[in-house]
């Protein structure tokens, strides 16, 4: 695409994604933000067209970021540290989602209704499915 992987490094301490590590990376991110801001400020475009253009540009940007992340090289220690950090983050998210579902069940029980947020439940189910499928595929190798 438009960028080089060496302009970025993986984020380690502030979430997921990339951080620019060269001036070219910062210029790339700045140009993307400027383009999106410009598109949203055009008064001659209707909102639907602005949103469509923004979605297309953002999809392109996300695709480029994913491509860069796939091409960045890590040594064995970095891979191990990232795997442990991802595992810990996953467990923290599972705990919060499960706590949210338990809270909804208890609070709805007082109202005599049974209503659980389907996104919370779906997220937990998707996580369990991803883990099971991953283990199944990895054990076949």
C-alpha atoms as a PDB file:
ATOM      1  CA  UNK A   1       0.000   0.000   0.000  1.00  0.00           C
ATOM      2  CA  UNK A   2       1.321   3.462   0.826  1.00  0.00           C
ATOM      3  CA  UNK A   3       3.483   2.932   3.877  1.00  0.00           C
ATOM      4  CA  UNK A   4       6.580   1.051   4.899  1.00  0.00           C
ATOM      5  CA  UNK A   5       6.583  -1.177   7.963  1.00  0.00           C
ATOM      6  CA  UNK A   6       9.810   0.360   9.264  1.00  0.00           C
ATOM      7  CA  UNK A   7       7.971   3.654   9.839  1.00  0.00           C
ATOM      8  CA  UNK A   8       6.037   2.018  12.704  1.00  0.00           C
ATOM      9  CA  UNK A   9       6.462  -0.237  15.717  1.00  0.00           C
ATOM     10  CA  UNK A  10       3.909  -2.312  17.578  1.00  0.00           C
ATOM     11  CA  UNK A  11       2.307  -0.700  20.591  1.00  0.00           C
ATOM     12  CA  UNK A  12       3.405  -2.411  23.751  1.00  0.00           C
ATOM     13  CA  UNK A  13       2.149  -0.334  26.647  1.00  0.00           C
ATOM     14  CA  UNK A  14      -0.869   1.542  25.336  1.00  0.00           C
ATOM     15  CA  UNK A  15      -3.215  -0.979  23.786  1.00  0.00           C
ATOM     16  CA  UNK A  16      -3.179  -2.567  20.353  1.00  0.00           C
ATOM     17  CA  UNK A  17      -2.037  -1.267  17.012  1.00  0.00           C
ATOM     18  CA  UNK A  18       0.936   0.703  15.818  1.00  0.00           C
ATOM     19  CA  UNK A  19       2.880   3.776  16.849  1.00  0.00           C
ATOM     20  CA  UNK A  20       4.844   5.854  14.353  1.00  0.00           C
ATOM     21  CA  UNK A  21       8.572   5.715  15.073  1.00  0.00           C
ATOM     22  CA  UNK A  22       9.812   7.902  12.211  1.00  0.00           C
ATOM     23  CA  UNK A  23       8.797  11.264  10.844  1.00  0.00           C
ATOM     24  CA  UNK A  24       7.362   9.516   7.770  1.00  0.00           C
ATOM     25  CA  UNK A  25       4.994   7.520   9.976  1.00  0.00           C
ATOM     26  CA  UNK A  26       3.828  10.665  11.750  1.00  0.00           C
ATOM     27  CA  UNK A  27       3.283  12.403   8.397  1.00  0.00           C
ATOM     28  CA  UNK A  28       1.258   9.421   7.138  1.00  0.00           C
ATOM     29  CA  UNK A  29      -1.019   9.494  10.200  1.00  0.00           C
ATOM     30  CA  UNK A  30      -1.276  13.308  10.025  1.00  0.00           C
ATOM     31  CA  UNK A  31      -2.246  13.239   6.354  1.00  0.00           C
ATOM     32  CA  UNK A  32      -4.919  10.610   7.057  1.00  0.00           C
ATOM     33  CA  UNK A  33      -6.379  12.706   9.895  1.00  0.00           C
ATOM     34  CA  UNK A  34      -6.252  15.849   7.727  1.00  0.00           C
ATOM     35  CA  UNK A  35      -8.046  14.121   4.855  1.00  0.00           C
ATOM     36  CA  UNK A  36     -10.810  12.762   7.118  1.00  0.00           C
ATOM     37  CA  UNK A  37     -11.206  16.163   8.785  1.00  0.00           C
ATOM     38  CA  UNK A  38     -11.364  17.885   5.397  1.00  0.00           C
ATOM     39  CA  UNK A  39     -13.971  15.472   4.052  1.00  0.00           C
ATOM     40  CA  UNK A  40     -16.146  16.000   7.134  1.00  0.00           C
ATOM     41  CA  UNK A  41     -15.861  19.789   6.843  1.00  0.00           C
ATOM     42  CA  UNK A  42     -16.924  20.015   3.176  1.00  0.00           C
ATOM     43  CA  UNK A  43     -20.257  21.813   3.274  1.00  0.00           C
ATOM     44  CA  UNK A  44     -21.127  20.984  -0.340  1.00  0.00           C
ATOM     45  CA  UNK A  45     -21.306  17.242   0.406  1.00  0.00           C
ATOM     46  CA  UNK A  46     -24.334  15.710   2.049  1.00  0.00           C
ATOM     47  CA  UNK A  47     -23.854  13.744   5.267  1.00  0.00           C
ATOM     48  CA  UNK A  48     -24.399  10.346   3.646  1.00  0.00           C
ATOM     49  CA  UNK A  49     -21.654  10.975   1.102  1.00  0.00           C
ATOM     50  CA  UNK A  50     -19.301  12.335   3.784  1.00  0.00           C
ATOM     51  CA  UNK A  51     -19.864   9.245   5.899  1.00  0.00           C
ATOM     52  CA  UNK A  52     -19.416   6.892   2.939  1.00  0.00           C
ATOM     53  CA  UNK A  53     -16.109   8.545   1.977  1.00  0.00           C
ATOM     54  CA  UNK A  54     -14.955   8.470   5.608  1.00  0.00           C
ATOM     55  CA  UNK A  55     -15.826   4.772   5.941  1.00  0.00           C
ATOM     56  CA  UNK A  56     -13.953   3.904   2.734  1.00  0.00           C
ATOM     57  CA  UNK A  57     -10.870   5.888   3.769  1.00  0.00           C
ATOM     58  CA  UNK A  58     -10.927   4.419   7.279  1.00  0.00           C
ATOM     59  CA  UNK A  59     -11.254   0.879   5.893  1.00  0.00           C
ATOM     60  CA  UNK A  60      -8.241   1.561   3.658  1.00  0.00           C
ATOM     61  CA  UNK A  61      -6.267   2.900   6.637  1.00  0.00           C
ATOM     62  CA  UNK A  62      -7.191  -0.074   8.850  1.00  0.00           C
ATOM     63  CA  UNK A  63      -6.243  -2.471   6.047  1.00  0.00           C
ATOM     64  CA  UNK A  64      -2.892  -0.744   5.705  1.00  0.00           C
ATOM     65  CA  UNK A  65      -2.302  -0.908   9.480  1.00  0.00           C
ATOM     66  CA  UNK A  66      -3.146  -4.630   9.516  1.00  0.00           C
ATOM     67  CA  UNK A  67      -0.757  -5.223   6.612  1.00  0.00           C
ATOM     68  CA  UNK A  68       2.013  -3.404   8.458  1.00  0.00           C
ATOM     69  CA  UNK A  69       1.352  -5.330  11.670  1.00  0.00           C
ATOM     70  CA  UNK A  70       1.568  -8.615   9.768  1.00  0.00           C
ATOM     71  CA  UNK A  71       4.928  -7.695   8.246  1.00  0.00           C
ATOM     72  CA  UNK A  72       6.636  -6.395  11.396  1.00  0.00           C
ATOM     73  CA  UNK A  73       9.236  -8.840  12.630  1.00  0.00           C
ATOM     74  CA  UNK A  74       9.574  -9.818  16.286  1.00  0.00           C
ATOM     75  CA  UNK A  75      12.190 -11.879  18.042  1.00  0.00           C
ATOM     76  CA  UNK A  76      11.260 -14.880  20.186  1.00  0.00           C
ATOM     77  CA  UNK A  77      11.218 -12.941  23.469  1.00  0.00           C
ATOM     78  CA  UNK A  78       8.948 -10.234  22.005  1.00  0.00           C
ATOM     79  CA  UNK A  79       6.565 -12.915  20.706  1.00  0.00           C
ATOM     80  CA  UNK A  80       6.463 -14.605  24.117  1.00  0.00           C
ATOM     81  CA  UNK A  81       5.885 -11.309  25.945  1.00  0.00           C
ATOM     82  CA  UNK A  82       3.129 -10.329  23.532  1.00  0.00           C
ATOM     83  CA  UNK A  83       1.435 -13.714  23.925  1.00  0.00           C
ATOM     84  CA  UNK A  84       1.464 -13.387  27.729  1.00  0.00           C
ATOM     85  CA  UNK A  85       0.183  -9.796  27.566  1.00  0.00           C
ATOM     86  CA  UNK A  86      -2.610 -10.785  25.149  1.00  0.00           C
ATOM     87  CA  UNK A  87      -3.582 -13.697  27.403  1.00  0.00           C
ATOM     88  CA  UNK A  88      -3.756 -11.430  30.441  1.00  0.00           C
ATOM     89  CA  UNK A  89      -5.797  -8.840  28.537  1.00  0.00           C
ATOM     90  CA  UNK A  90      -8.182 -11.562  27.367  1.00  0.00           C
ATOM     91  CA  UNK A  91      -8.707 -12.840  30.905  1.00  0.00           C
ATOM     92  CA  UNK A  92      -9.360  -9.305  32.152  1.00  0.00           C
ATOM     93  CA  UNK A  93     -11.949  -8.746  29.418  1.00  0.00           C
ATOM     94  CA  UNK A  94     -13.629 -12.106  30.114  1.00  0.00           C
ATOM     95  CA  UNK A  95     -13.852 -11.194  33.800  1.00  0.00           C
ATOM     96  CA  UNK A  96     -15.441  -7.805  33.048  1.00  0.00           C
ATOM     97  CA  UNK A  97     -17.909  -9.286  30.520  1.00  0.00           C
ATOM     98  CA  UNK A  98     -18.906 -12.089  32.884  1.00  0.00           C
ATOM     99  CA  UNK A  99     -19.307  -9.587  35.728  1.00  0.00           C
ATOM    100  CA  UNK A 100     -21.524  -7.449  33.478  1.00  0.00           C
ATOM    101  CA  UNK A 101     -23.732 -10.406  32.617  1.00  0.00           C
ATOM    102  CA  UNK A 102     -24.007 -11.435  36.271  1.00  0.00           C
ATOM    103  CA  UNK A 103     -24.906  -7.847  37.188  1.00  0.00           C
ATOM    104  CA  UNK A 104     -27.625  -7.784  34.511  1.00  0.00           C
ATOM    105  CA  UNK A 105     -29.074 -11.090  35.683  1.00  0.00           C
ATOM    106  CA  UNK A 106     -29.155  -9.982  39.326  1.00  0.00           C
ATOM    107  CA  UNK A 107     -30.527  -6.496  38.631  1.00  0.00           C
ATOM    108  CA  UNK A 108     -33.149  -7.831  36.220  1.00  0.00           C
ATOM    109  CA  UNK A 109     -34.158 -10.473  38.751  1.00  0.00           C
ATOM    110  CA  UNK A 110     -35.301  -7.677  41.065  1.00  0.00           C
ATOM    111  CA  UNK A 111     -37.458  -6.335  38.223  1.00  0.00           C
ATOM    112  CA  UNK A 112     -38.843  -9.809  37.463  1.00  0.00           C
ATOM    113  CA  UNK A 113     -37.561  -9.736  33.888  1.00  0.00           C
ATOM    114  CA  UNK A 114     -34.907 -11.761  32.115  1.00  0.00           C
ATOM    115  CA  UNK A 115     -32.966  -9.536  29.761  1.00  0.00           C
ATOM    116  CA  UNK A 116     -29.255  -9.923  29.017  1.00  0.00           C
ATOM    117  CA  UNK A 117     -27.392  -7.656  26.618  1.00  0.00           C
ATOM    118  CA  UNK A 118     -26.858  -9.877  23.551  1.00  0.00           C
ATOM    119  CA  UNK A 119     -23.566  -8.145  22.728  1.00  0.00           C
ATOM    120  CA  UNK A 120     -22.067  -9.073  26.087  1.00  0.00           C
ATOM    121  CA  UNK A 121     -23.202 -12.665  25.733  1.00  0.00           C
ATOM    122  CA  UNK A 122     -22.177 -12.809  22.068  1.00  0.00           C
ATOM    123  CA  UNK A 123     -18.722 -11.472  22.875  1.00  0.00           C
ATOM    124  CA  UNK A 124     -18.156 -14.159  25.499  1.00  0.00           C
ATOM    125  CA  UNK A 125     -19.409 -16.882  23.169  1.00  0.00           C
ATOM    126  CA  UNK A 126     -17.200 -15.591  20.325  1.00  0.00           C
ATOM    127  CA  UNK A 127     -14.187 -15.575  22.654  1.00  0.00           C
ATOM    128  CA  UNK A 128     -14.809 -19.143  23.767  1.00  0.00           C
ATOM    129  CA  UNK A 129     -15.309 -20.230  20.147  1.00  0.00           C
ATOM    130  CA  UNK A 130     -12.112 -18.468  18.998  1.00  0.00           C
ATOM    131  CA  UNK A 131     -10.123 -20.152  21.752  1.00  0.00           C
ATOM    132  CA  UNK A 132     -11.541 -23.596  21.022  1.00  0.00           C
ATOM    133  CA  UNK A 133     -11.024 -23.295  17.272  1.00  0.00           C
ATOM    134  CA  UNK A 134      -7.491 -21.964  17.788  1.00  0.00           C
ATOM    135  CA  UNK A 135      -6.551 -24.902  20.011  1.00  0.00           C
ATOM    136  CA  UNK A 136      -8.096 -27.339  17.544  1.00  0.00           C
ATOM    137  CA  UNK A 137      -6.144 -25.875  14.601  1.00  0.00           C
ATOM    138  CA  UNK A 138      -2.879 -25.527  16.531  1.00  0.00           C
ATOM    139  CA  UNK A 139      -3.003 -29.110  17.784  1.00  0.00           C
ATOM    140  CA  UNK A 140      -3.505 -30.363  14.209  1.00  0.00           C
ATOM    141  CA  UNK A 141      -0.204 -28.754  13.110  1.00  0.00           C
END
